[in-house]
Protein backbone atom coordinates (compact mmCIF):
# COMPACT_ATOMS: atom_id res chain seq x y z
CA MET A 1 0.12 0.08 0.17
CA GLY A 2 2.89 2.16 0.76
CA ASN A 3 3.72 2.66 -2.73
CA ARG A 4 0.57 3.23 -4.16
CA MET A 5 0.41 6.11 -1.19
CA ASN A 6 3.59 7.29 -2.69
CA GLU A 7 2.29 7.64 -6.07
CA GLY A 8 -0.43 9.11 -5.27
CA PHE A 9 1.34 11.59 -3.53
CA LYS A 10 3.63 12.27 -6.43
CA LEU A 11 0.42 12.53 -8.64
CA TYR A 12 -0.85 15.13 -6.33
CA MET A 13 2.43 17.28 -5.81
CA GLU A 14 2.44 17.48 -9.38
CA GLY A 15 -1.04 18.94 -9.95
CA ASN A 16 -2.48 16.50 -11.50
CA VAL A 17 -5.86 16.21 -9.18
CA GLU A 18 -8.87 18.48 -10.56
CA ILE A 19 -11.62 19.03 -8.54
CA GLU A 20 -15.11 18.38 -10.55
CA LEU A 21 -17.25 18.90 -7.85
CA PHE A 22 -16.59 19.60 -4.02
CA ASP A 23 -19.41 19.46 -1.07
CA ASP A 24 -19.87 17.52 1.89
CA ASP A 25 -22.17 14.67 0.20
CA LEU A 26 -20.27 14.45 -2.85
CA MET A 27 -16.63 14.84 -4.19
CA ILE A 28 -15.84 14.22 -7.82
CA PHE A 29 -12.13 14.64 -9.20
CA SER A 30 -10.17 14.14 -11.98
CA VAL A 31 -7.04 12.60 -11.96
CA HIS A 32 -4.42 12.64 -14.54
CA GLY A 33 -2.65 9.15 -14.12
CA SER A 34 1.24 8.49 -14.48
CA ARG A 35 0.34 6.84 -18.68
CA ASP A 36 -1.58 10.19 -19.79
CA ASP A 37 -5.05 8.46 -18.57
CA THR A 38 -7.30 10.41 -16.92
CA TYR A 39 -9.37 8.85 -14.12
CA GLN A 40 -12.87 10.03 -12.19
CA VAL A 41 -12.09 9.41 -8.31
CA SER A 42 -15.74 10.20 -6.15
CA MET A 43 -16.93 9.96 -2.94
CA ASN A 44 -20.64 9.68 -2.60
CA GLU A 45 -22.14 8.79 1.06
CA ASN A 46 -18.47 8.07 2.52
CA MET A 47 -17.72 5.19 -0.28
CA TRP A 48 -14.90 6.10 -2.31
CA LEU A 49 -14.89 5.07 -5.83
CA CYS A 50 -12.31 4.85 -9.09
CA ASP A 51 -12.95 3.98 -12.28
CA CYS A 52 -9.05 3.16 -13.12
CA ASP A 53 -8.50 -0.64 -13.68
CA ASP A 54 -6.70 -1.56 -10.74
CA TYR A 55 -9.07 -0.21 -8.32
CA GLN A 56 -11.93 -2.10 -10.58
CA TYR A 57 -10.05 -5.34 -10.29
CA ARG A 58 -9.16 -5.31 -6.83
CA SER A 59 -12.13 -4.14 -5.09
CA GLU A 60 -14.48 -6.13 -7.01
CA LYS A 61 -15.50 -8.69 -4.55
CA GLU A 62 -15.78 -6.11 -1.58
CA PRO A 63 -16.30 -2.41 -2.84
CA GLY A 64 -14.35 -0.03 -1.06
CA SER A 65 -11.81 -2.41 0.46
CA PHE A 66 -8.69 -1.10 -1.86
CA VAL A 67 -7.01 2.37 -2.04
CA CYS A 68 -5.59 2.88 -5.77
CA LYS A 69 -2.97 5.68 -6.35
CA HIS A 70 -5.83 8.12 -7.70
CA LEU A 71 -7.81 7.38 -4.59
CA TRP A 72 -5.07 8.42 -2.27
CA ALA A 73 -4.57 11.70 -4.84
CA ALA A 74 -7.46 12.82 -4.17
CA PHE A 75 -7.18 12.23 -0.24
CA PHE A 76 -4.10 14.55 -0.31
CA LYS A 77 -6.61 17.06 -2.42
CA VAL A 78 -9.27 16.79 -0.07
CA ALA A 79 -6.46 17.29 3.10
CA GLU A 80 -5.31 20.68 1.50
CA LEU A 81 -8.42 22.01 0.65
CA LYS A 82 -9.69 21.02 4.32
CA ASN A 83 -6.78 22.70 5.76
CA GLU A 84 -7.73 25.82 3.72
CA ASP A 85 -10.81 26.23 5.78
């Protein structure tokens, strides 16, 4: 998990996380991945989801049980936004 967290932090630090929607009940981000692909990360009712293949495959049996690098990148962006308040 540490590697995905580090990769997510790198994506965040490089400015690869864009806010599409941000409120208490629903958050949507576009995260530009390391291979020039863009993934949608969302949080709805405290359930985080990503549409990347890594997340889709690994969380198939139990949704929400896996954190990909794109989710990590969004988590870091949320922390930044919360600290601005």
